[in-house]
PDB file of all heavy atoms in Angstrom:
ATOM      1  N   PRO A   1       0.639  -4.266 -14.756  1.00  0.00           N
ATOM      2  CA  PRO A   1       2.065  -4.302 -14.405  1.00  0.00           C
ATOM      3  C   PRO A   1       2.908  -4.849 -15.550  1.00  0.00           C
ATOM      4  O   PRO A   1       2.391  -5.550 -16.441  1.00  0.00           O
ATOM      5  CB  PRO A   1       2.110  -5.249 -13.198  1.00  0.00           C
ATOM      6  CG  PRO A   1       0.929  -6.136 -13.378  1.00  0.00           C
ATOM      7  CD  PRO A   1      -0.137  -5.267 -14.005  1.00  0.00           C
ATOM      8  N   ARG A   2       4.168  -4.519 -15.537  1.00  0.00           N
ATOM      9  CA  ARG A   2       5.106  -5.154 -16.466  1.00  0.00           C
ATOM     10  C   ARG A   2       5.463  -6.513 -15.871  1.00  0.00           C
ATOM     11  O   ARG A   2       6.215  -6.590 -14.903  1.00  0.00           O
ATOM     12  CB  ARG A   2       6.343  -4.281 -16.659  1.00  0.00           C
ATOM     13  CG  ARG A   2       6.034  -2.960 -17.343  1.00  0.00           C
ATOM     14  CD  ARG A   2       7.321  -2.198 -17.668  1.00  0.00           C
ATOM     15  NE  ARG A   2       7.032  -0.979 -18.370  1.00  0.00           N
ATOM     16  CZ  ARG A   2       6.828   0.204 -17.792  1.00  0.00           C
ATOM     17  NH1 ARG A   2       6.899   0.300 -16.479  1.00  0.00           N
ATOM     18  NH2 ARG A   2       6.556   1.282 -18.492  1.00  0.00           N
ATOM     19  N   TRP A   3       4.924  -7.547 -16.451  1.00  0.00           N
ATOM     20  CA  TRP A   3       4.999  -8.867 -15.823  1.00  0.00           C
ATOM     21  C   TRP A   3       6.423  -9.360 -15.672  1.00  0.00           C
ATOM     22  O   TRP A   3       6.741 -10.058 -14.704  1.00  0.00           O
ATOM     23  CB  TRP A   3       4.157  -9.866 -16.616  1.00  0.00           C
ATOM     24  CG  TRP A   3       2.696  -9.554 -16.543  1.00  0.00           C
ATOM     25  CD1 TRP A   3       1.904  -9.056 -17.542  1.00  0.00           C
ATOM     26  CD2 TRP A   3       1.842  -9.673 -15.395  1.00  0.00           C
ATOM     27  NE1 TRP A   3       0.616  -8.861 -17.098  1.00  0.00           N
ATOM     28  CE2 TRP A   3       0.546  -9.235 -15.785  1.00  0.00           C
ATOM     29  CE3 TRP A   3       2.041 -10.093 -14.081  1.00  0.00           C
ATOM     30  CZ2 TRP A   3      -0.539  -9.217 -14.907  1.00  0.00           C
ATOM     31  CZ3 TRP A   3       0.962 -10.076 -13.204  1.00  0.00           C
ATOM     32  CH2 TRP A   3      -0.302  -9.651 -13.613  1.00  0.00           C
ATOM     33  N   SER A   4       7.287  -9.002 -16.591  1.00  0.00           N
ATOM     34  CA  SER A   4       8.679  -9.445 -16.460  1.00  0.00           C
ATOM     35  C   SER A   4       9.356  -8.767 -15.277  1.00  0.00           C
ATOM     36  O   SER A   4      10.112  -9.405 -14.532  1.00  0.00           O
ATOM     37  CB  SER A   4       9.458  -9.167 -17.751  1.00  0.00           C
ATOM     38  OG  SER A   4       9.415  -7.796 -18.083  1.00  0.00           O
ATOM     39  N   ASP A   5       9.101  -7.473 -15.070  1.00  0.00           N
ATOM     40  CA  ASP A   5       9.678  -6.771 -13.919  1.00  0.00           C
ATOM     41  C   ASP A   5       9.109  -7.317 -12.613  1.00  0.00           C
ATOM     42  O   ASP A   5       9.831  -7.493 -11.625  1.00  0.00           O
ATOM     43  CB  ASP A   5       9.398  -5.269 -14.017  1.00  0.00           C
ATOM     44  CG  ASP A   5      10.168  -4.602 -15.140  1.00  0.00           C
ATOM     45  OD1 ASP A   5      11.180  -5.176 -15.569  1.00  0.00           O
ATOM     46  OD2 ASP A   5       9.769  -3.515 -15.587  1.00  0.00           O
ATOM     47  N   LEU A   6       7.813  -7.594 -12.615  1.00  0.00           N
ATOM     48  CA  LEU A   6       7.168  -8.164 -11.428  1.00  0.00           C
ATOM     49  C   LEU A   6       7.743  -9.544 -11.110  1.00  0.00           C
ATOM     50  O   LEU A   6       8.058  -9.860  -9.958  1.00  0.00           O
ATOM     51  CB  LEU A   6       5.666  -8.257 -11.665  1.00  0.00           C
ATOM     52  CG  LEU A   6       4.803  -8.773 -10.508  1.00  0.00           C
ATOM     53  CD1 LEU A   6       4.926  -7.849  -9.316  1.00  0.00           C
ATOM     54  CD2 LEU A   6       3.359  -8.905 -10.949  1.00  0.00           C
ATOM     55  N   ALA A   7       7.906 -10.364 -12.153  1.00  0.00           N
ATOM     56  CA  ALA A   7       8.461 -11.704 -11.954  1.00  0.00           C
ATOM     57  C   ALA A   7       9.900 -11.645 -11.463  1.00  0.00           C
ATOM     58  O   ALA A   7      10.315 -12.464 -10.633  1.00  0.00           O
ATOM     59  CB  ALA A   7       8.380 -12.494 -13.262  1.00  0.00           C
ATOM     60  N   ARG A   8      10.658 -10.665 -11.945  1.00  0.00           N
ATOM     61  CA  ARG A   8      12.043 -10.516 -11.477  1.00  0.00           C
ATOM     62  C   ARG A   8      12.078 -10.201  -9.991  1.00  0.00           C
ATOM     63  O   ARG A   8      12.892 -10.763  -9.253  1.00  0.00           O
ATOM     64  CB  ARG A   8      12.747  -9.396 -12.255  1.00  0.00           C
ATOM     65  CG  ARG A   8      13.357  -9.831 -13.571  1.00  0.00           C
ATOM     66  CD  ARG A   8      13.859  -8.649 -14.363  1.00  0.00           C
ATOM     67  NE  ARG A   8      14.541  -7.678 -13.534  1.00  0.00           N
ATOM     68  CZ  ARG A   8      14.462  -6.361 -13.697  1.00  0.00           C
ATOM     69  NH1 ARG A   8      13.691  -5.865 -14.640  1.00  0.00           N
ATOM     70  NH2 ARG A   8      15.123  -5.553 -12.915  1.00  0.00           N
ATOM     71  N   ARG A   9      11.215  -9.299  -9.540  1.00  0.00           N
ATOM     72  CA  ARG A   9      11.194  -8.937  -8.121  1.00  0.00           C
ATOM     73  C   ARG A   9      10.881 -10.153  -7.248  1.00  0.00           C
ATOM     74  O   ARG A   9      11.480 -10.347  -6.194  1.00  0.00           O
ATOM     75  CB  ARG A   9      10.171  -7.823  -7.872  1.00  0.00           C
ATOM     76  CG  ARG A   9      10.531  -6.505  -8.533  1.00  0.00           C
ATOM     77  CD  ARG A   9       9.766  -5.343  -7.929  1.00  0.00           C
ATOM     78  NE  ARG A   9       8.351  -5.339  -8.226  1.00  0.00           N
ATOM     79  CZ  ARG A   9       7.806  -4.835  -9.333  1.00  0.00           C
ATOM     80  NH1 ARG A   9       8.593  -4.323 -10.267  1.00  0.00           N
ATOM     81  NH2 ARG A   9       6.513  -4.837  -9.514  1.00  0.00           N
ATOM     82  N   VAL A  10       9.940 -10.966  -7.701  1.00  0.00           N
ATOM     83  CA  VAL A  10       9.562 -12.159  -6.930  1.00  0.00           C
ATOM     84  C   VAL A  10      10.658 -13.211  -7.003  1.00  0.00           C
ATOM     85  O   VAL A  10      11.006 -13.837  -5.995  1.00  0.00           O
ATOM     86  CB  VAL A  10       8.227 -12.719  -7.451  1.00  0.00           C
ATOM     87  CG1 VAL A  10       7.893 -14.042  -6.767  1.00  0.00           C
ATOM     88  CG2 VAL A  10       7.096 -11.711  -7.217  1.00  0.00           C
ATOM     89  N   LEU A  11      11.227 -13.415  -8.192  1.00  0.00           N
ATOM     90  CA  LEU A  11      12.236 -14.462  -8.363  1.00  0.00           C
ATOM     91  C   LEU A  11      13.473 -14.204  -7.521  1.00  0.00           C
ATOM     92  O   LEU A  11      14.041 -15.134  -6.929  1.00  0.00           O
ATOM     93  CB  LEU A  11      12.624 -14.582  -9.845  1.00  0.00           C
ATOM     94  CG  LEU A  11      13.644 -15.680 -10.177  1.00  0.00           C
ATOM     95  CD1 LEU A  11      13.070 -17.053  -9.856  1.00  0.00           C
ATOM     96  CD2 LEU A  11      14.069 -15.605 -11.639  1.00  0.00           C
ATOM     97  N   ILE A  12      13.905 -12.956  -7.433  1.00  0.00           N
ATOM     98  CA  ILE A  12      15.091 -12.634  -6.646  1.00  0.00           C
ATOM     99  C   ILE A  12      14.873 -12.955  -5.172  1.00  0.00           C
ATOM    100  O   ILE A  12      15.761 -13.482  -4.485  1.00  0.00           O
ATOM    101  CB  ILE A  12      15.473 -11.147  -6.845  1.00  0.00           C
ATOM    102  CG1 ILE A  12      15.949 -10.913  -8.277  1.00  0.00           C
ATOM    103  CG2 ILE A  12      16.558 -10.740  -5.865  1.00  0.00           C
ATOM    104  CD1 ILE A  12      17.056 -11.842  -8.730  1.00  0.00           C
ATOM    105  N   VAL A  13      13.676 -12.660  -4.671  1.00  0.00           N
ATOM    106  CA  VAL A  13      13.367 -13.001  -3.276  1.00  0.00           C
ATOM    107  C   VAL A  13      13.306 -14.513  -3.101  1.00  0.00           C
ATOM    108  O   VAL A  13      13.747 -15.051  -2.078  1.00  0.00           O
ATOM    109  CB  VAL A  13      12.040 -12.342  -2.843  1.00  0.00           C
ATOM    110  CG1 VAL A  13      11.663 -12.774  -1.438  1.00  0.00           C
ATOM    111  CG2 VAL A  13      12.153 -10.827  -2.915  1.00  0.00           C
ATOM    112  N   GLU A  14      12.768 -15.209  -4.088  1.00  0.00           N
ATOM    113  CA  GLU A  14      12.719 -16.670  -4.028  1.00  0.00           C
ATOM    114  C   GLU A  14      14.120 -17.261  -3.900  1.00  0.00           C
ATOM    115  O   GLU A  14      14.376 -18.125  -3.049  1.00  0.00           O
ATOM    116  CB  GLU A  14      12.011 -17.223  -5.266  1.00  0.00           C
ATOM    117  CG  GLU A  14      10.527 -16.907  -5.320  1.00  0.00           C
ATOM    118  CD  GLU A  14       9.884 -17.271  -6.629  1.00  0.00           C
ATOM    119  OE1 GLU A  14      10.622 -17.593  -7.589  1.00  0.00           O
ATOM    120  OE2 GLU A  14       8.640 -17.240  -6.720  1.00  0.00           O
ATOM    121  N   ILE A  15      15.021 -16.780  -4.731  1.00  0.00           N
ATOM    122  CA  ILE A  15      16.404 -17.280  -4.683  1.00  0.00           C
ATOM    123  C   ILE A  15      17.040 -16.962  -3.342  1.00  0.00           C
ATOM    124  O   ILE A  15      17.680 -17.819  -2.710  1.00  0.00           O
ATOM    125  CB  ILE A  15      17.222 -16.670  -5.843  1.00  0.00           C
ATOM    126  CG1 ILE A  15      16.701 -17.167  -7.188  1.00  0.00           C
ATOM    127  CG2 ILE A  15      18.705 -17.012  -5.689  1.00  0.00           C
ATOM    128  CD1 ILE A  15      17.312 -16.466  -8.383  1.00  0.00           C
ATOM    129  N   THR A  16      16.870 -15.720  -2.889  1.00  0.00           N
ATOM    130  CA  THR A  16      17.454 -15.300  -1.607  1.00  0.00           C
ATOM    131  C   THR A  16      16.933 -16.149  -0.452  1.00  0.00           C
ATOM    132  O   THR A  16      17.703 -16.624   0.386  1.00  0.00           O
ATOM    133  CB  THR A  16      17.144 -13.817  -1.347  1.00  0.00           C
ATOM    134  OG1 THR A  16      17.634 -13.030  -2.438  1.00  0.00           O
ATOM    135  CG2 THR A  16      17.799 -13.344  -0.061  1.00  0.00           C
ATOM    136  N   ALA A  17      15.613 -16.348  -0.399  1.00  0.00           N
ATOM    137  CA  ALA A  17      15.017 -17.108   0.703  1.00  0.00           C
ATOM    138  C   ALA A  17      15.433 -18.574   0.653  1.00  0.00           C
ATOM    139  O   ALA A  17      15.738 -19.182   1.697  1.00  0.00           O
ATOM    140  CB  ALA A  17      13.497 -16.994   0.645  1.00  0.00           C
ATOM    141  N   LEU A  18      15.451 -19.168  -0.529  1.00  0.00           N
ATOM    142  CA  LEU A  18      15.788 -20.587  -0.649  1.00  0.00           C
ATOM    143  C   LEU A  18      17.247 -20.872  -0.303  1.00  0.00           C
ATOM    144  O   LEU A  18      17.596 -22.007   0.045  1.00  0.00           O
ATOM    145  CB  LEU A  18      15.477 -21.073  -2.068  1.00  0.00           C
ATOM    146  CG  LEU A  18      13.990 -21.182  -2.415  1.00  0.00           C
ATOM    147  CD1 LEU A  18      13.795 -21.451  -3.893  1.00  0.00           C
ATOM    148  CD2 LEU A  18      13.333 -22.278  -1.574  1.00  0.00           C
ATOM    149  N   VAL A  19      18.095 -19.855  -0.391  1.00  0.00           N
ATOM    150  CA  VAL A  19      19.494 -20.022   0.007  1.00  0.00           C
ATOM    151  C   VAL A  19      19.683 -19.695   1.490  1.00  0.00           C
ATOM    152  O   VAL A  19      20.336 -20.442   2.224  1.00  0.00           O
ATOM    153  CB  VAL A  19      20.415 -19.129  -0.859  1.00  0.00           C
ATOM    154  CG1 VAL A  19      21.855 -19.169  -0.322  1.00  0.00           C
ATOM    155  CG2 VAL A  19      20.388 -19.591  -2.305  1.00  0.00           C
ATOM    156  N   PHE A  20      19.089 -18.595   1.948  1.00  0.00           N
ATOM    157  CA  PHE A  20      19.392 -18.110   3.301  1.00  0.00           C
ATOM    158  C   PHE A  20      18.670 -18.883   4.396  1.00  0.00           C
ATOM    159  O   PHE A  20      19.257 -19.182   5.435  1.00  0.00           O
ATOM    160  CB  PHE A  20      19.039 -16.616   3.417  1.00  0.00           C
ATOM    161  CG  PHE A  20      19.446 -16.026   4.742  1.00  0.00           C
ATOM    162  CD1 PHE A  20      20.771 -15.693   4.994  1.00  0.00           C
ATOM    163  CD2 PHE A  20      18.513 -15.815   5.753  1.00  0.00           C
ATOM    164  CE1 PHE A  20      21.166 -15.161   6.214  1.00  0.00           C
ATOM    165  CE2 PHE A  20      18.887 -15.280   6.975  1.00  0.00           C
ATOM    166  CZ  PHE A  20      20.220 -14.963   7.202  1.00  0.00           C
ATOM    167  N   ARG A  21      17.376 -19.201   4.204  1.00  0.00           N
ATOM    168  CA  ARG A  21      16.648 -19.859   5.293  1.00  0.00           C
ATOM    169  C   ARG A  21      17.241 -21.221   5.660  1.00  0.00           C
ATOM    170  O   ARG A  21      17.415 -21.519   6.852  1.00  0.00           O
ATOM    171  CB  ARG A  21      15.164 -20.001   4.947  1.00  0.00           C
ATOM    172  CG  ARG A  21      14.387 -18.711   4.731  1.00  0.00           C
ATOM    173  CD  ARG A  21      14.634 -17.634   5.746  1.00  0.00           C
ATOM    174  NE  ARG A  21      14.320 -18.025   7.113  1.00  0.00           N
ATOM    175  CZ  ARG A  21      14.443 -17.235   8.160  1.00  0.00           C
ATOM    176  NH1 ARG A  21      14.914 -15.994   7.998  1.00  0.00           N
ATOM    177  NH2 ARG A  21      14.145 -17.655   9.365  1.00  0.00           N
ATOM    178  N   PRO A  22      17.605 -22.081   4.701  1.00  0.00           N
ATOM    179  CA  PRO A  22      18.279 -23.333   5.083  1.00  0.00           C
ATOM    180  C   PRO A  22      19.630 -23.084   5.755  1.00  0.00           C
ATOM    181  O   PRO A  22      20.019 -23.804   6.687  1.00  0.00           O
ATOM    182  CB  PRO A  22      18.443 -24.069   3.752  1.00  0.00           C
ATOM    183  CG  PRO A  22      17.374 -23.514   2.880  1.00  0.00           C
ATOM    184  CD  PRO A  22      17.263 -22.076   3.263  1.00  0.00           C
ATOM    185  N   PHE A  23      20.347 -22.052   5.298  1.00  0.00           N
ATOM    186  CA  PHE A  23      21.652 -21.745   5.897  1.00  0.00           C
ATOM    187  C   PHE A  23      21.505 -21.367   7.361  1.00  0.00           C
ATOM    188  O   PHE A  23      22.254 -21.832   8.225  1.00  0.00           O
ATOM    189  CB  PHE A  23      22.326 -20.611   5.119  1.00  0.00           C
ATOM    190  CG  PHE A  23      23.475 -19.977   5.861  1.00  0.00           C
ATOM    191  CD1 PHE A  23      24.718 -20.607   5.927  1.00  0.00           C
ATOM    192  CD2 PHE A  23      23.310 -18.761   6.524  1.00  0.00           C
ATOM    193  CE1 PHE A  23      25.772 -20.031   6.633  1.00  0.00           C
ATOM    194  CE2 PHE A  23      24.360 -18.184   7.218  1.00  0.00           C
ATOM    195  CZ  PHE A  23      25.592 -18.826   7.277  1.00  0.00           C
ATOM    196  N   VAL A  24      20.514 -20.508   7.671  1.00  0.00           N
ATOM    197  CA  VAL A  24      20.381 -20.025   9.034  1.00  0.00           C
ATOM    198  C   VAL A  24      19.862 -21.124   9.967  1.00  0.00           C
ATOM    199  O   VAL A  24      20.048 -21.062  11.182  1.00  0.00           O
ATOM    200  CB  VAL A  24      19.481 -18.768   9.068  1.00  0.00           C
ATOM    201  CG1 VAL A  24      18.000 -19.132   9.083  1.00  0.00           C
ATOM    202  CG2 VAL A  24      19.812 -17.901  10.270  1.00  0.00           C
ATOM    203  N   ARG A  25      19.197 -22.148   9.410  1.00  0.00           N
ATOM    204  CA  ARG A  25      18.810 -23.289  10.239  1.00  0.00           C
ATOM    205  C   ARG A  25      20.033 -24.122  10.621  1.00  0.00           C
ATOM    206  O   ARG A  25      20.110 -24.664  11.719  1.00  0.00           O
ATOM    207  CB  ARG A  25      17.811 -24.170   9.485  1.00  0.00           C
ATOM    208  CG  ARG A  25      16.381 -23.682   9.544  1.00  0.00           C
ATOM    209  CD  ARG A  25      15.387 -24.789   9.264  1.00  0.00           C
ATOM    210  NE  ARG A  25      15.671 -25.489   8.008  1.00  0.00           N
ATOM    211  CZ  ARG A  25      15.161 -25.132   6.841  1.00  0.00           C
ATOM    212  NH1 ARG A  25      14.360 -24.088   6.759  1.00  0.00           N
ATOM    213  NH2 ARG A  25      15.447 -25.818   5.754  1.00  0.00           N
ATOM    214  N   GLU A  26      20.993 -24.205   9.693  1.00  0.00           N
ATOM    215  CA  GLU A  26      22.210 -24.968   9.965  1.00  0.00           C
ATOM    216  C   GLU A  26      23.190 -24.179  10.828  1.00  0.00           C
ATOM    217  O   GLU A  26      23.987 -24.761  11.568  1.00  0.00           O
ATOM    218  CB  GLU A  26      22.892 -25.353   8.640  1.00  0.00           C
ATOM    219  CG  GLU A  26      22.080 -26.299   7.768  1.00  0.00           C
ATOM    220  CD  GLU A  26      21.883 -27.653   8.431  1.00  0.00           C
ATOM    221  OE1 GLU A  26      22.806 -28.101   9.156  1.00  0.00           O
ATOM    222  OE2 GLU A  26      20.808 -28.252   8.231  1.00  0.00           O
ATOM    223  N   VAL A  27      23.151 -22.872  10.725  1.00  0.00           N
ATOM    224  CA  VAL A  27      24.069 -22.009  11.485  1.00  0.00           C
ATOM    225  C   VAL A  27      23.238 -21.010  12.286  1.00  0.00           C
ATOM    226  O   VAL A  27      23.117 -19.837  11.900  1.00  0.00           O
ATOM    227  CB  VAL A  27      25.054 -21.280  10.557  1.00  0.00           C
ATOM    228  CG1 VAL A  27      26.107 -20.519  11.360  1.00  0.00           C
ATOM    229  CG2 VAL A  27      25.720 -22.236   9.581  1.00  0.00           C
ATOM    230  N   PRO A  28      22.641 -21.437  13.385  1.00  0.00           N
ATOM    231  CA  PRO A  28      21.816 -20.517  14.192  1.00  0.00           C
ATOM    232  C   PRO A  28      22.651 -19.334  14.680  1.00  0.00           C
ATOM    233  O   PRO A  28      23.822 -19.497  15.033  1.00  0.00           O
ATOM    234  CB  PRO A  28      21.353 -21.389  15.365  1.00  0.00           C
ATOM    235  CG  PRO A  28      21.513 -22.798  14.892  1.00  0.00           C
ATOM    236  CD  PRO A  28      22.695 -22.780  13.981  1.00  0.00           C
TER     237      PRO A  28
END
């Protein structure tokens, strides 16, 4: 695999999850 492209796909999900999951716990 192209490791930079693979890392980008994972990193974007990491950022999304780390922002959204705490938000949805505070705002059910």
